[in-house]
Amino acid sequence: MTRSEESWIDGLRAGGGATYAEAVADLRDYVQRTLAKGFRQKLSAQDLDDLTQESLLRIHQKLETFQAQSRFTTWAATIAVNCALSELRRRRYQHVSLDEAAEQADWSTNDDHSSEAEIEALRRGIKEALTERQREAIEAALGGLPLMELARRQGVSQGAIYKLLHDARRRLKSYLEALGQSGGVGGMLETAS
């Protein structure tokens, strides 16, 4: 069924009855087709059903924020795709431990000014100057673990992780300045955020 923008919104806002049920069923079909087309290789049938349901819930929760700056179906598809991407991103790292992420840390820098001695001083600083929690966070971030995943694992907000990494960088900077080694490792520390 081809729906007008008004029929989507009116049907979903009906709150019950046949009009509402029909609009939800149409939206479910549309979202499921969209996700299947975009993620067919990455989602099982059960995953597709689960993500369709999660997407419908998010669309319903955000329905009042729809401002008709795009087509309703474009807006709904964006929410569904973002929902699927978040789930796939979470799954990508769910079996990576913090230690494994730390082992994958990229110890190269963005510039050619860092010496081996500076990089070694940074590694020593991470072990000696940081708290255990700061060390875990900065090593995991250097290893590529997304901050959202790190926050989820530690049961805190992303803001708390940003603050933890900020404090860790400040401690490391002070540590390296005391050693006279702060020259070229700043770029590497910036990647840990």
C-alpha atoms as a PDB file:
ATOM      1  CA  MET A   1       0.000   0.000   0.000  1.00  0.00           C
ATOM      2  CA  THR A   2       1.300   3.442  -0.914  1.00  0.00           C
ATOM      3  CA  ARG A   3       0.658   5.904   1.885  1.00  0.00           C
ATOM      4  CA  SER A   4       0.733   9.649   1.984  1.00  0.00           C
ATOM      5  CA  GLU A   5       2.764  11.416   4.653  1.00  0.00           C
ATOM      6  CA  GLU A   6      -0.443  12.363   6.457  1.00  0.00           C
ATOM      7  CA  SER A   7      -1.797   8.808   6.431  1.00  0.00           C
ATOM      8  CA  TRP A   8       1.402   7.502   8.043  1.00  0.00           C
ATOM      9  CA  ILE A   9       1.319  10.070  10.816  1.00  0.00           C
ATOM     10  CA  ASP A  10      -2.447   9.981  11.342  1.00  0.00           C
ATOM     11  CA  GLY A  11      -2.500   6.181  11.373  1.00  0.00           C
ATOM     12  CA  LEU A  12       0.372   5.845  13.839  1.00  0.00           C
ATOM     13  CA  ARG A  13      -1.034   8.532  16.110  1.00  0.00           C
ATOM     14  CA  ALA A  14      -4.503   6.939  16.129  1.00  0.00           C
ATOM     15  CA  GLY A  15      -3.475   4.949  19.209  1.00  0.00           C
ATOM     16  CA  GLY A  16      -5.688   1.958  18.474  1.00  0.00           C
ATOM     17  CA  GLY A  17      -8.266   0.539  16.169  1.00  0.00           C
ATOM     18  CA  ALA A  18      -8.049  -0.698  12.606  1.00  0.00           C
ATOM     19  CA  THR A  19      -6.347   2.428  11.229  1.00  0.00           C
ATOM     20  CA  TYR A  20      -3.570   2.170  13.798  1.00  0.00           C
ATOM     21  CA  ALA A  21      -3.111  -1.600  13.334  1.00  0.00           C
ATOM     22  CA  GLU A  22      -2.913  -1.179   9.564  1.00  0.00           C
ATOM     23  CA  ALA A  23      -0.357   1.646   9.833  1.00  0.00           C
ATOM     24  CA  VAL A  24       1.801  -0.384  12.232  1.00  0.00           C
ATOM     25  CA  ALA A  25       1.637  -3.458   9.993  1.00  0.00           C
ATOM     26  CA  ASP A  26       2.620  -1.366   6.959  1.00  0.00           C
ATOM     27  CA  LEU A  27       5.457   0.234   8.887  1.00  0.00           C
ATOM     28  CA  ARG A  28       6.649  -3.167  10.132  1.00  0.00           C
ATOM     29  CA  ASP A  29       6.748  -4.461   6.538  1.00  0.00           C
ATOM     30  CA  TYR A  30       8.556  -1.355   5.314  1.00  0.00           C
ATOM     31  CA  VAL A  31      11.163  -1.425   8.099  1.00  0.00           C
ATOM     32  CA  GLN A  32      11.757  -5.154   7.708  1.00  0.00           C
ATOM     33  CA  ARG A  33      12.237  -4.832   3.935  1.00  0.00           C
ATOM     34  CA  THR A  34      14.594  -1.888   4.444  1.00  0.00           C
ATOM     35  CA  LEU A  35      16.718  -3.742   6.998  1.00  0.00           C
ATOM     36  CA  ALA A  36      16.727  -6.939   4.936  1.00  0.00           C
ATOM     37  CA  LYS A  37      17.894  -5.064   1.868  1.00  0.00           C
ATOM     38  CA  GLY A  38      20.629  -3.171   3.682  1.00  0.00           C
ATOM     39  CA  PHE A  39      21.882  -5.890   6.032  1.00  0.00           C
ATOM     40  CA  ARG A  40      20.917  -9.194   4.400  1.00  0.00           C
ATOM     41  CA  GLN A  41      24.416 -10.664   4.781  1.00  0.00           C
ATOM     42  CA  LYS A  42      24.811  -9.673   8.427  1.00  0.00           C
ATOM     43  CA  LEU A  43      21.451 -10.547   9.997  1.00  0.00           C
ATOM     44  CA  SER A  44      19.724 -13.838  10.612  1.00  0.00           C
ATOM     45  CA  ALA A  45      15.946 -14.052  10.289  1.00  0.00           C
ATOM     46  CA  GLN A  46      15.612 -13.831  14.086  1.00  0.00           C
ATOM     47  CA  ASP A  47      17.949 -10.817  14.211  1.00  0.00           C
ATOM     48  CA  LEU A  48      15.899  -9.166  11.476  1.00  0.00           C
ATOM     49  CA  ASP A  49      12.679  -9.706  13.452  1.00  0.00           C
ATOM     50  CA  ASP A  50      14.268  -8.418  16.665  1.00  0.00           C
ATOM     51  CA  LEU A  51      15.727  -5.330  15.013  1.00  0.00           C
ATOM     52  CA  THR A  52      12.457  -4.628  13.226  1.00  0.00           C
ATOM     53  CA  GLN A  53      10.638  -4.701  16.562  1.00  0.00           C
ATOM     54  CA  GLU A  54      13.285  -2.530  18.254  1.00  0.00           C
ATOM     55  CA  SER A  55      13.112  -0.077  15.354  1.00  0.00           C
ATOM     56  CA  LEU A  56       9.319   0.124  15.594  1.00  0.00           C
ATOM     57  CA  LEU A  57       9.601   0.926  19.293  1.00  0.00           C
ATOM     58  CA  ARG A  58      12.149   3.676  18.642  1.00  0.00           C
ATOM     59  CA  ILE A  59      10.073   5.129  15.808  1.00  0.00           C
ATOM     60  CA  HIS A  60       7.007   5.151  18.042  1.00  0.00           C
ATOM     61  CA  GLN A  61       8.971   6.817  20.876  1.00  0.00           C
ATOM     62  CA  LYS A  62      10.279   9.510  18.523  1.00  0.00           C
ATOM     63  CA  LEU A  63       7.112  10.014  16.503  1.00  0.00           C
ATOM     64  CA  GLU A  64       6.401  13.382  18.128  1.00  0.00           C
ATOM     65  CA  THR A  65       9.828  14.636  16.981  1.00  0.00           C
ATOM     66  CA  PHE A  66       9.073  14.037  13.291  1.00  0.00           C
ATOM     67  CA  GLN A  67       9.052  17.473  11.669  1.00  0.00           C
ATOM     68  CA  ALA A  68       8.341  16.533   8.039  1.00  0.00           C
ATOM     69  CA  GLN A  69      11.701  17.860   6.850  1.00  0.00           C
ATOM     70  CA  SER A  70      12.024  14.610   4.915  1.00  0.00           C
ATOM     71  CA  ARG A  71       9.605  11.899   3.893  1.00  0.00           C
ATOM     72  CA  PHE A  72       8.277   9.887   6.800  1.00  0.00           C
ATOM     73  CA  THR A  73       9.639   6.666   5.332  1.00  0.00           C
ATOM     74  CA  THR A  74      13.111   8.211   5.008  1.00  0.00           C
ATOM     75  CA  TRP A  75      12.975   9.326   8.640  1.00  0.00           C
ATOM     76  CA  ALA A  76      11.769   5.893   9.804  1.00  0.00           C
ATOM     77  CA  ALA A  77      14.397   4.079   7.698  1.00  0.00           C
ATOM     78  CA  THR A  78      17.140   6.242   9.225  1.00  0.00           C
ATOM     79  CA  ILE A  79      16.056   5.243  12.717  1.00  0.00           C
ATOM     80  CA  ALA A  80      15.929   1.561  11.719  1.00  0.00           C
ATOM     81  CA  VAL A  81      19.350   1.636  10.043  1.00  0.00           C
ATOM     82  CA  ASN A  82      20.908   3.391  13.039  1.00  0.00           C
ATOM     83  CA  CYS A  83      19.362   0.785  15.315  1.00  0.00           C
ATOM     84  CA  ALA A  84      20.867  -2.025  13.217  1.00  0.00           C
ATOM     85  CA  LEU A  85      24.273  -0.344  13.001  1.00  0.00           C
ATOM     86  CA  SER A  86      24.373   0.105  16.774  1.00  0.00           C
ATOM     87  CA  GLU A  87      23.595  -3.565  17.292  1.00  0.00           C
ATOM     88  CA  LEU A  88      26.199  -4.711  14.768  1.00  0.00           C
ATOM     89  CA  ARG A  89      28.812  -2.397  16.309  1.00  0.00           C
ATOM     90  CA  ARG A  90      28.031  -3.787  19.762  1.00  0.00           C
ATOM     91  CA  ARG A  91      28.345  -7.356  18.502  1.00  0.00           C
ATOM     92  CA  ARG A  92      31.653  -6.628  16.816  1.00  0.00           C
ATOM     93  CA  TYR A  93      33.266  -5.925  20.165  1.00  0.00           C
ATOM     94  CA  GLN A  94      31.222  -8.095  22.523  1.00  0.00           C
ATOM     95  CA  HIS A  95      33.818 -10.877  22.547  1.00  0.00           C
ATOM     96  CA  VAL A  96      36.855  -8.574  22.663  1.00  0.00           C
ATOM     97  CA  SER A  97      38.172  -8.275  26.194  1.00  0.00           C
ATOM     98  CA  LEU A  98      39.740  -5.066  27.455  1.00  0.00           C
ATOM     99  CA  ASP A  99      43.090  -6.869  27.539  1.00  0.00           C
ATOM    100  CA  GLU A 100      42.709  -7.946  23.908  1.00  0.00           C
ATOM    101  CA  ALA A 101      41.847  -4.388  22.907  1.00  0.00           C
ATOM    102  CA  ALA A 102      44.927  -3.144  24.771  1.00  0.00           C
ATOM    103  CA  GLU A 103      47.089  -5.644  22.884  1.00  0.00           C
ATOM    104  CA  GLN A 104      45.817  -4.165  19.613  1.00  0.00           C
ATOM    105  CA  ALA A 105      46.883  -0.646  20.623  1.00  0.00           C
ATOM    106  CA  ASP A 106      48.505   1.364  17.858  1.00  0.00           C
ATOM    107  CA  TRP A 107      51.715   2.755  19.308  1.00  0.00           C
ATOM    108  CA  SER A 108      52.555   4.754  16.220  1.00  0.00           C
ATOM    109  CA  THR A 109      51.982   8.491  16.222  1.00  0.00           C
ATOM    110  CA  ASN A 110      50.507  10.943  13.765  1.00  0.00           C
ATOM    111  CA  ASP A 111      53.852  12.625  13.256  1.00  0.00           C
ATOM    112  CA  ASP A 112      57.432  11.561  12.673  1.00  0.00           C
ATOM    113  CA  HIS A 113      58.847  13.404  15.699  1.00  0.00           C
ATOM    114  CA  SER A 114      58.354  10.673  18.309  1.00  0.00           C
ATOM    115  CA  SER A 115      61.330   8.592  19.206  1.00  0.00           C
ATOM    116  CA  GLU A 116      61.308   5.068  20.551  1.00  0.00           C
ATOM    117  CA  ALA A 117      62.371   6.527  23.911  1.00  0.00           C
ATOM    118  CA  GLU A 118      59.278   8.786  23.969  1.00  0.00           C
ATOM    119  CA  ILE A 119      56.970   5.926  23.110  1.00  0.00           C
ATOM    120  CA  GLU A 120      58.575   3.754  25.775  1.00  0.00           C
ATOM    121  CA  ALA A 121      58.199   6.606  28.297  1.00  0.00           C
ATOM    122  CA  LEU A 122      54.498   6.774  27.387  1.00  0.00           C
ATOM    123  CA  ARG A 123      54.072   3.044  27.930  1.00  0.00           C
ATOM    124  CA  ARG A 124      55.838   3.299  31.278  1.00  0.00           C
ATOM    125  CA  GLY A 125      53.673   6.291  32.199  1.00  0.00           C
ATOM    126  CA  ILE A 126      50.508   4.361  31.447  1.00  0.00           C
ATOM    127  CA  LYS A 127      51.636   1.657  33.871  1.00  0.00           C
ATOM    128  CA  GLU A 128      53.060   3.911  36.577  1.00  0.00           C
ATOM    129  CA  ALA A 129      51.109   7.177  36.561  1.00  0.00           C
ATOM    130  CA  LEU A 130      47.537   6.059  35.919  1.00  0.00           C
ATOM    131  CA  THR A 131      44.952   4.397  38.086  1.00  0.00           C
ATOM    132  CA  GLU A 132      43.923   0.897  37.064  1.00  0.00           C
ATOM    133  CA  ARG A 133      40.678   2.194  35.598  1.00  0.00           C
ATOM    134  CA  GLN A 134      42.434   4.964  33.646  1.00  0.00           C
ATOM    135  CA  ARG A 135      44.988   2.472  32.344  1.00  0.00           C
ATOM    136  CA  GLU A 136      42.288   0.073  31.171  1.00  0.00           C
ATOM    137  CA  ALA A 137      40.360   2.855  29.470  1.00  0.00           C
ATOM    138  CA  ILE A 138      43.298   4.436  27.660  1.00  0.00           C
ATOM    139  CA  GLU A 139      44.716   1.100  26.498  1.00  0.00           C
ATOM    140  CA  ALA A 140      41.298  -0.070  25.281  1.00  0.00           C
ATOM    141  CA  ALA A 141      40.773   3.224  23.444  1.00  0.00           C
ATOM    142  CA  LEU A 142      44.228   3.000  21.860  1.00  0.00           C
ATOM    143  CA  GLY A 143      43.290  -0.538  20.842  1.00  0.00           C
ATOM    144  CA  GLY A 144      40.252   0.718  18.966  1.00  0.00           C
ATOM    145  CA  LEU A 145      37.464  -0.218  21.378  1.00  0.00           C
ATOM    146  CA  PRO A 146      34.681   2.347  20.861  1.00  0.00           C
ATOM    147  CA  LEU A 147      34.067   4.598  23.844  1.00  0.00           C
ATOM    148  CA  MET A 148      30.377   3.669  23.766  1.00  0.00           C
ATOM    149  CA  GLU A 149      31.314   0.017  24.267  1.00  0.00           C
ATOM    150  CA  LEU A 150      33.799   0.880  27.004  1.00  0.00           C
ATOM    151  CA  ALA A 151      31.094   2.888  28.796  1.00  0.00           C
ATOM    152  CA  ARG A 152      28.620   0.015  28.469  1.00  0.00           C
ATOM    153  CA  ARG A 153      31.087  -2.469  29.935  1.00  0.00           C
ATOM    154  CA  GLN A 154      31.961  -0.239  32.844  1.00  0.00           C
ATOM    155  CA  GLY A 155      28.316   0.605  33.489  1.00  0.00           C
ATOM    156  CA  VAL A 156      28.845   4.358  33.142  1.00  0.00           C
ATOM    157  CA  SER A 157      27.902   7.083  30.683  1.00  0.00           C
ATOM    158  CA  GLN A 158      30.030   8.037  27.712  1.00  0.00           C
ATOM    159  CA  GLY A 159      30.591  11.364  29.432  1.00  0.00           C
ATOM    160  CA  ALA A 160      32.170   9.550  32.367  1.00  0.00           C
ATOM    161  CA  ILE A 161      34.526   7.759  29.970  1.00  0.00           C
ATOM    162  CA  TYR A 162      35.465  11.055  28.292  1.00  0.00           C
ATOM    163  CA  LYS A 163      36.261  12.498  31.726  1.00  0.00           C
ATOM    164  CA  LEU A 164      38.256   9.407  32.697  1.00  0.00           C
ATOM    165  CA  LEU A 165      40.327   9.650  29.502  1.00  0.00           C
ATOM    166  CA  HIS A 166      40.764  13.403  29.905  1.00  0.00           C
ATOM    167  CA  ASP A 167      42.113  12.924  33.425  1.00  0.00           C
ATOM    168  CA  ALA A 168      44.364  10.088  32.230  1.00  0.00           C
ATOM    169  CA  ARG A 169      45.823  12.261  29.456  1.00  0.00           C
ATOM    170  CA  ARG A 170      46.487  15.081  31.921  1.00  0.00           C
ATOM    171  CA  ARG A 171      48.284  12.679  34.278  1.00  0.00           C
ATOM    172  CA  LEU A 172      50.333  11.252  31.433  1.00  0.00           C
ATOM    173  CA  LYS A 173      51.225  14.692  30.174  1.00  0.00           C
ATOM    174  CA  SER A 174      52.471  15.708  33.627  1.00  0.00           C
ATOM    175  CA  TYR A 175      54.383  12.443  33.958  1.00  0.00           C
ATOM    176  CA  LEU A 176      56.042  12.864  30.566  1.00  0.00           C
ATOM    177  CA  GLU A 177      56.855  16.530  31.181  1.00  0.00           C
ATOM    178  CA  ALA A 178      58.583  15.564  34.425  1.00  0.00           C
ATOM    179  CA  LEU A 179      60.723  13.153  32.375  1.00  0.00           C
ATOM    180  CA  GLY A 180      61.279  15.738  29.643  1.00  0.00           C
ATOM    181  CA  GLN A 181      59.690  13.343  27.119  1.00  0.00           C
ATOM    182  CA  SER A 182      56.423  14.993  26.132  1.00  0.00           C
ATOM    183  CA  GLY A 183      57.471  16.118  22.658  1.00  0.00           C
ATOM    184  CA  GLY A 184      55.974  13.846  20.050  1.00  0.00           C
ATOM    185  CA  VAL A 185      53.483  11.561  21.764  1.00  0.00           C
ATOM    186  CA  GLY A 186      50.624  14.039  22.039  1.00  0.00           C
ATOM    187  CA  GLY A 187      49.080  12.878  18.772  1.00  0.00           C
ATOM    188  CA  MET A 188      48.877   9.323  20.004  1.00  0.00           C
ATOM    189  CA  LEU A 189      47.155  10.399  23.209  1.00  0.00           C
ATOM    190  CA  GLU A 190      44.571  12.336  21.212  1.00  0.00           C
ATOM    191  CA  THR A 191      43.609   9.137  19.376  1.00  0.00           C
ATOM    192  CA  ALA A 192      42.634   7.655  22.741  1.00  0.00           C
ATOM    193  CA  SER A 193      39.387   9.600  22.817  1.00  0.00           C
END
